[in-house]
Structure formats: structure tokens, C-alpha cells
Amino acid sequence: MHAKTQVRTTVNGEAMEFLCEPHQSLLECLRDILNLTGTKEGCNDGNCGACTVILDGRIVNSCLVLGVEAEGCEITTIEGVARGSELHPVQRAFLEQAALQCGFCTPGFIVAAKALLDQGPDPSEERIRLWLANNLCRCTGYDKIVRAVRQATQMQEGKA
């Protein structure tokens, strides 16, 4: 049995502490310890993007980050994208553009798209596609997802 390590972090704007084993991934800590199950486990080797979270302003695959590495960091998961009952423009656009089907990959896409829009307004279609290239979807095809991100950009600018 491994000794557990105490981790102090901020998740979705709230200071949190948890105990985890040195080998536990951030994904496991979010889902199994903090009960934030919106972040999904897909491939568990960093290839699908279902577990994407924002860690100190950067998107990461939480399956590839150790929970202990979150010490002192700020994390945003899918649960932290909306503000209370008000959906983020990316979430609204995904619904309006029917950019999801089974929904398994959706949290990772939404978190990644939010991070892109946080960097600046009006990314080109090429930039959106490149930014989201590490997120895989088996159901929808990517055109609806790209359209949703474009719409979210317009929503943030007040044009939609």
C-alpha cells in the first residue's frame, strides 16, 4: 500500500483538498475522489481528449497528469464551464448546432473550445480544427462541432 499525498488545489473556482496515491491520475482523482464525473475516461493514454481539462490555463489530458501534480494549480472541468444555471456560449452552441450525439466526447470538446475562446476572439476555422485535433469523436463528424465553436465566438461577441 502506498502512502497517500495531500493535494491542495482549486477546482472550478473552489479551493479543494484531497488525498491520492502517487500513481493516481488527475482523471481518477477528479472522478473517484472529488466525484466530478463529467470528465470522461476514454482511451486512458492521451489519444482521445475525452478527459480534457484546463490546468493553469492550458488544456491537458487529465489521464496523463498525476493527481499530485495538481498541487497549487487551478483546474477547470466541464462542471466549471457554466456559470450556475447559465450555459457558456460553447455549451449553448453545441446544443443549437446539434454538435453532439452520444455525448461521451462532448465534455472534452467543450472544455477545449472554451480554452481556445479564452485565448482570443474569432479564431479561424483552420485554427479551430487544429486546436481540436486532439479530441476525437466517433458519432457526429467534426463539421457540426466546428460550426458550434464559430457560433460560440459570435455569441461571445454579441453577434448571435
C-alpha atoms as a PDB file:
ATOM      1  CA  MET A   1       0.000   0.000   0.000  1.00  0.00           C
ATOM      2  CA  HIS A   2       1.314   3.426  -0.959  1.00  0.00           C
ATOM      3  CA  ALA A   3       1.271   6.419   1.324  1.00  0.00           C
ATOM      4  CA  LYS A   4      -1.282   8.954   0.198  1.00  0.00           C
ATOM      5  CA  THR A   5      -0.334  12.523  -0.577  1.00  0.00           C
ATOM      6  CA  GLN A   6      -2.421  15.530   0.346  1.00  0.00           C
ATOM      7  CA  VAL A   7      -3.120  17.796  -2.617  1.00  0.00           C
ATOM      8  CA  ARG A   8      -4.401  21.358  -2.300  1.00  0.00           C
ATOM      9  CA  THR A   9      -5.818  22.796  -5.492  1.00  0.00           C
ATOM     10  CA  THR A  10      -8.572  24.970  -6.895  1.00  0.00           C
ATOM     11  CA  VAL A  11     -11.196  23.176  -8.952  1.00  0.00           C
ATOM     12  CA  ASN A  12     -13.826  25.197 -10.792  1.00  0.00           C
ATOM     13  CA  GLY A  13     -13.064  28.207  -8.629  1.00  0.00           C
ATOM     14  CA  GLU A  14     -13.359  26.345  -5.326  1.00  0.00           C
ATOM     15  CA  ALA A  15     -10.408  25.545  -3.052  1.00  0.00           C
ATOM     16  CA  MET A  16     -10.205  21.789  -2.508  1.00  0.00           C
ATOM     17  CA  GLU A  17      -8.022  19.288  -0.721  1.00  0.00           C
ATOM     18  CA  PHE A  18      -7.855  15.574  -1.358  1.00  0.00           C
ATOM     19  CA  LEU A  19      -5.669  12.575  -0.628  1.00  0.00           C
ATOM     20  CA  CYS A  20      -4.385  10.485  -3.503  1.00  0.00           C
ATOM     21  CA  GLU A  21      -1.846   7.807  -4.170  1.00  0.00           C
ATOM     22  CA  PRO A  22       1.279   8.874  -6.070  1.00  0.00           C
ATOM     23  CA  HIS A  23       0.318   6.850  -9.148  1.00  0.00           C
ATOM     24  CA  GLN A  24      -3.276   8.096  -9.447  1.00  0.00           C
ATOM     25  CA  SER A  25      -4.037  10.222 -12.472  1.00  0.00           C
ATOM     26  CA  LEU A  26      -5.744  13.571 -12.191  1.00  0.00           C
ATOM     27  CA  LEU A  27      -8.640  11.970 -14.069  1.00  0.00           C
ATOM     28  CA  GLU A  28      -9.015   9.322 -11.371  1.00  0.00           C
ATOM     29  CA  CYS A  29      -8.798  11.959  -8.645  1.00  0.00           C
ATOM     30  CA  LEU A  30     -11.454  14.139 -10.286  1.00  0.00           C
ATOM     31  CA  ARG A  31     -13.850  11.271 -10.892  1.00  0.00           C
ATOM     32  CA  ASP A  32     -13.232   8.908  -7.977  1.00  0.00           C
ATOM     33  CA  ILE A  33     -12.216  11.231  -5.152  1.00  0.00           C
ATOM     34  CA  LEU A  34     -13.874  14.568  -5.958  1.00  0.00           C
ATOM     35  CA  ASN A  35     -16.935  12.991  -7.652  1.00  0.00           C
ATOM     36  CA  LEU A  36     -16.624  15.263 -10.689  1.00  0.00           C
ATOM     37  CA  THR A  37     -17.731  12.653 -13.213  1.00  0.00           C
ATOM     38  CA  GLY A  38     -18.319  14.980 -16.171  1.00  0.00           C
ATOM     39  CA  THR A  39     -14.728  14.466 -17.272  1.00  0.00           C
ATOM     40  CA  LYS A  40     -14.766  11.159 -19.140  1.00  0.00           C
ATOM     41  CA  GLU A  41     -12.228   8.359 -19.387  1.00  0.00           C
ATOM     42  CA  GLY A  42     -11.839   7.324 -22.992  1.00  0.00           C
ATOM     43  CA  CYS A  43      -8.557   5.775 -24.031  1.00  0.00           C
ATOM     44  CA  ASN A  44      -6.606   6.445 -20.806  1.00  0.00           C
ATOM     45  CA  ASP A  45      -3.453   7.036 -22.864  1.00  0.00           C
ATOM     46  CA  GLY A  46      -3.851  10.622 -24.063  1.00  0.00           C
ATOM     47  CA  ASN A  47      -5.153   9.962 -27.551  1.00  0.00           C
ATOM     48  CA  CYS A  48      -8.877  10.786 -27.446  1.00  0.00           C
ATOM     49  CA  GLY A  49      -9.305  14.032 -25.478  1.00  0.00           C
ATOM     50  CA  ALA A  50     -12.411  12.882 -23.586  1.00  0.00           C
ATOM     51  CA  CYS A  51     -10.651  13.744 -20.310  1.00  0.00           C
ATOM     52  CA  THR A  52      -9.580  17.256 -21.328  1.00  0.00           C
ATOM     53  CA  VAL A  53      -9.450  19.804 -18.506  1.00  0.00           C
ATOM     54  CA  ILE A  54      -7.868  23.237 -18.186  1.00  0.00           C
ATOM     55  CA  LEU A  55      -4.883  23.182 -15.819  1.00  0.00           C
ATOM     56  CA  ASP A  56      -3.406  26.590 -15.041  1.00  0.00           C
ATOM     57  CA  GLY A  57      -4.742  27.970 -18.320  1.00  0.00           C
ATOM     58  CA  ARG A  58      -3.554  25.093 -20.531  1.00  0.00           C
ATOM     59  CA  ILE A  59      -5.600  22.208 -21.855  1.00  0.00           C
ATOM     60  CA  VAL A  60      -4.315  18.829 -20.724  1.00  0.00           C
ATOM     61  CA  ASN A  61      -5.420  15.241 -20.925  1.00  0.00           C
ATOM     62  CA  SER A  62      -6.136  14.551 -17.268  1.00  0.00           C
ATOM     63  CA  CYS A  63      -5.359  10.863 -17.778  1.00  0.00           C
ATOM     64  CA  LEU A  64      -1.716  11.831 -18.405  1.00  0.00           C
ATOM     65  CA  VAL A  65      -1.301  14.145 -15.401  1.00  0.00           C
ATOM     66  CA  LEU A  66      -0.727  12.744 -11.942  1.00  0.00           C
ATOM     67  CA  GLY A  67      -3.099  13.939  -9.260  1.00  0.00           C
ATOM     68  CA  VAL A  68      -0.141  15.029  -7.130  1.00  0.00           C
ATOM     69  CA  GLU A  69       0.929  17.370  -9.939  1.00  0.00           C
ATOM     70  CA  ALA A  70      -2.241  19.404  -9.340  1.00  0.00           C
ATOM     71  CA  GLU A  71      -0.801  20.746  -6.079  1.00  0.00           C
ATOM     72  CA  GLY A  72      -1.315  24.506  -6.074  1.00  0.00           C
ATOM     73  CA  CYS A  73      -2.876  24.502  -9.526  1.00  0.00           C
ATOM     74  CA  GLU A  74      -6.146  25.841 -10.847  1.00  0.00           C
ATOM     75  CA  ILE A  75      -8.301  23.310 -12.689  1.00  0.00           C
ATOM     76  CA  THR A  76     -11.428  23.827 -14.770  1.00  0.00           C
ATOM     77  CA  THR A  77     -13.525  20.779 -15.612  1.00  0.00           C
ATOM     78  CA  ILE A  78     -16.732  20.581 -17.607  1.00  0.00           C
ATOM     79  CA  GLU A  79     -18.634  21.190 -14.357  1.00  0.00           C
ATOM     80  CA  GLY A  80     -16.980  24.601 -14.110  1.00  0.00           C
ATOM     81  CA  VAL A  81     -17.705  25.841 -17.626  1.00  0.00           C
ATOM     82  CA  ALA A  82     -21.263  27.052 -16.984  1.00  0.00           C
ATOM     83  CA  ARG A  83     -21.925  29.853 -14.523  1.00  0.00           C
ATOM     84  CA  GLY A  84     -24.639  28.452 -12.278  1.00  0.00           C
ATOM     85  CA  SER A  85     -27.611  27.639 -14.483  1.00  0.00           C
ATOM     86  CA  GLU A  86     -26.331  29.856 -17.323  1.00  0.00           C
ATOM     87  CA  LEU A  87     -24.653  27.791 -20.016  1.00  0.00           C
ATOM     88  CA  HIS A  88     -21.405  29.000 -21.524  1.00  0.00           C
ATOM     89  CA  PRO A  89     -21.769  30.097 -25.178  1.00  0.00           C
ATOM     90  CA  VAL A  90     -19.877  26.962 -26.278  1.00  0.00           C
ATOM     91  CA  GLN A  91     -22.382  24.761 -24.454  1.00  0.00           C
ATOM     92  CA  ARG A  92     -25.364  26.625 -25.938  1.00  0.00           C
ATOM     93  CA  ALA A  93     -23.865  26.481 -29.426  1.00  0.00           C
ATOM     94  CA  PHE A  94     -23.207  22.727 -29.130  1.00  0.00           C
ATOM     95  CA  LEU A  95     -26.888  22.253 -28.355  1.00  0.00           C
ATOM     96  CA  GLU A  96     -28.124  24.590 -31.081  1.00  0.00           C
ATOM     97  CA  GLN A  97     -25.826  23.127 -33.736  1.00  0.00           C
ATOM     98  CA  ALA A  98     -26.554  19.511 -32.711  1.00  0.00           C
ATOM     99  CA  ALA A  99     -22.800  19.068 -32.302  1.00  0.00           C
ATOM    100  CA  LEU A 100     -23.174  16.038 -30.060  1.00  0.00           C
ATOM    101  CA  GLN A 101     -24.742  12.632 -30.228  1.00  0.00           C
ATOM    102  CA  CYS A 102     -23.710  10.108 -27.595  1.00  0.00           C
ATOM    103  CA  GLY A 103     -22.131  12.905 -25.546  1.00  0.00           C
ATOM    104  CA  PHE A 104     -19.110  10.941 -24.393  1.00  0.00           C
ATOM    105  CA  CYS A 105     -16.541  13.183 -26.105  1.00  0.00           C
ATOM    106  CA  THR A 106     -18.572  16.353 -25.610  1.00  0.00           C
ATOM    107  CA  PRO A 107     -17.115  17.468 -22.242  1.00  0.00           C
ATOM    108  CA  GLY A 108     -13.580  17.341 -23.637  1.00  0.00           C
ATOM    109  CA  PHE A 109     -14.557  19.248 -26.770  1.00  0.00           C
ATOM    110  CA  ILE A 110     -16.398  21.914 -24.786  1.00  0.00           C
ATOM    111  CA  VAL A 111     -13.534  22.427 -22.330  1.00  0.00           C
ATOM    112  CA  ALA A 112     -11.002  22.605 -25.180  1.00  0.00           C
ATOM    113  CA  ALA A 113     -13.189  25.018 -27.174  1.00  0.00           C
ATOM    114  CA  LYS A 114     -13.659  27.230 -24.111  1.00  0.00           C
ATOM    115  CA  ALA A 115      -9.883  27.364 -23.656  1.00  0.00           C
ATOM    116  CA  LEU A 116      -9.495  28.377 -27.311  1.00  0.00           C
ATOM    117  CA  LEU A 117     -12.039  31.182 -26.973  1.00  0.00           C
ATOM    118  CA  ASP A 118     -10.383  32.306 -23.729  1.00  0.00           C
ATOM    119  CA  GLN A 119      -7.236  32.974 -25.769  1.00  0.00           C
ATOM    120  CA  GLY A 120      -8.922  35.453 -28.055  1.00  0.00           C
ATOM    121  CA  PRO A 121     -11.971  36.125 -30.149  1.00  0.00           C
ATOM    122  CA  ASP A 122     -12.791  34.904 -33.622  1.00  0.00           C
ATOM    123  CA  PRO A 123     -10.408  32.028 -34.329  1.00  0.00           C
ATOM    124  CA  SER A 124     -10.361  30.900 -37.949  1.00  0.00           C
ATOM    125  CA  GLU A 125     -11.874  27.585 -38.967  1.00  0.00           C
ATOM    126  CA  GLU A 126      -8.354  26.274 -39.545  1.00  0.00           C
ATOM    127  CA  ARG A 127      -7.303  27.288 -36.013  1.00  0.00           C
ATOM    128  CA  ILE A 128     -10.411  25.672 -34.522  1.00  0.00           C
ATOM    129  CA  ARG A 129      -9.765  22.420 -36.372  1.00  0.00           C
ATOM    130  CA  LEU A 130      -6.096  22.416 -35.385  1.00  0.00           C
ATOM    131  CA  TRP A 131      -6.907  23.269 -31.746  1.00  0.00           C
ATOM    132  CA  LEU A 132      -9.460  20.451 -31.502  1.00  0.00           C
ATOM    133  CA  ALA A 133      -7.348  17.903 -33.399  1.00  0.00           C
ATOM    134  CA  ASN A 134      -6.518  16.041 -30.170  1.00  0.00           C
ATOM    135  CA  ASN A 135     -10.197  15.452 -29.400  1.00  0.00           C
ATOM    136  CA  LEU A 136     -11.823  12.525 -31.161  1.00  0.00           C
ATOM    137  CA  CYS A 137     -15.499  11.991 -31.907  1.00  0.00           C
ATOM    138  CA  ARG A 138     -16.896   8.766 -33.305  1.00  0.00           C
ATOM    139  CA  CYS A 139     -20.506   9.916 -33.757  1.00  0.00           C
ATOM    140  CA  THR A 140     -21.035  13.415 -35.117  1.00  0.00           C
ATOM    141  CA  GLY A 141     -18.318  14.218 -37.575  1.00  0.00           C
ATOM    142  CA  TYR A 142     -16.421  17.412 -36.976  1.00  0.00           C
ATOM    143  CA  ASP A 143     -18.261  19.958 -39.123  1.00  0.00           C
ATOM    144  CA  LYS A 144     -21.058  20.468 -36.585  1.00  0.00           C
ATOM    145  CA  ILE A 145     -18.509  20.864 -33.808  1.00  0.00           C
ATOM    146  CA  VAL A 146     -16.560  23.481 -35.771  1.00  0.00           C
ATOM    147  CA  ARG A 147     -19.809  25.315 -36.594  1.00  0.00           C
ATOM    148  CA  ALA A 148     -20.701  25.292 -32.897  1.00  0.00           C
ATOM    149  CA  VAL A 149     -17.365  26.849 -31.933  1.00  0.00           C
ATOM    150  CA  ARG A 150     -17.803  29.502 -34.642  1.00  0.00           C
ATOM    151  CA  GLN A 151     -21.297  30.249 -33.318  1.00  0.00           C
ATOM    152  CA  ALA A 152     -19.986  30.465 -29.744  1.00  0.00           C
ATOM    153  CA  THR A 153     -17.460  33.049 -30.931  1.00  0.00           C
ATOM    154  CA  GLN A 154     -20.295  35.135 -32.359  1.00  0.00           C
ATOM    155  CA  MET A 155     -22.325  34.696 -29.177  1.00  0.00           C
ATOM    156  CA  GLN A 156     -19.431  35.984 -27.090  1.00  0.00           C
ATOM    157  CA  GLU A 157     -19.077  38.975 -29.387  1.00  0.00           C
ATOM    158  CA  GLY A 158     -22.820  39.652 -29.123  1.00  0.00           C
ATOM    159  CA  LYS A 159     -23.456  38.986 -32.811  1.00  0.00           C
ATOM    160  CA  ALA A 160     -25.691  35.940 -32.344  1.00  0.00           C
END
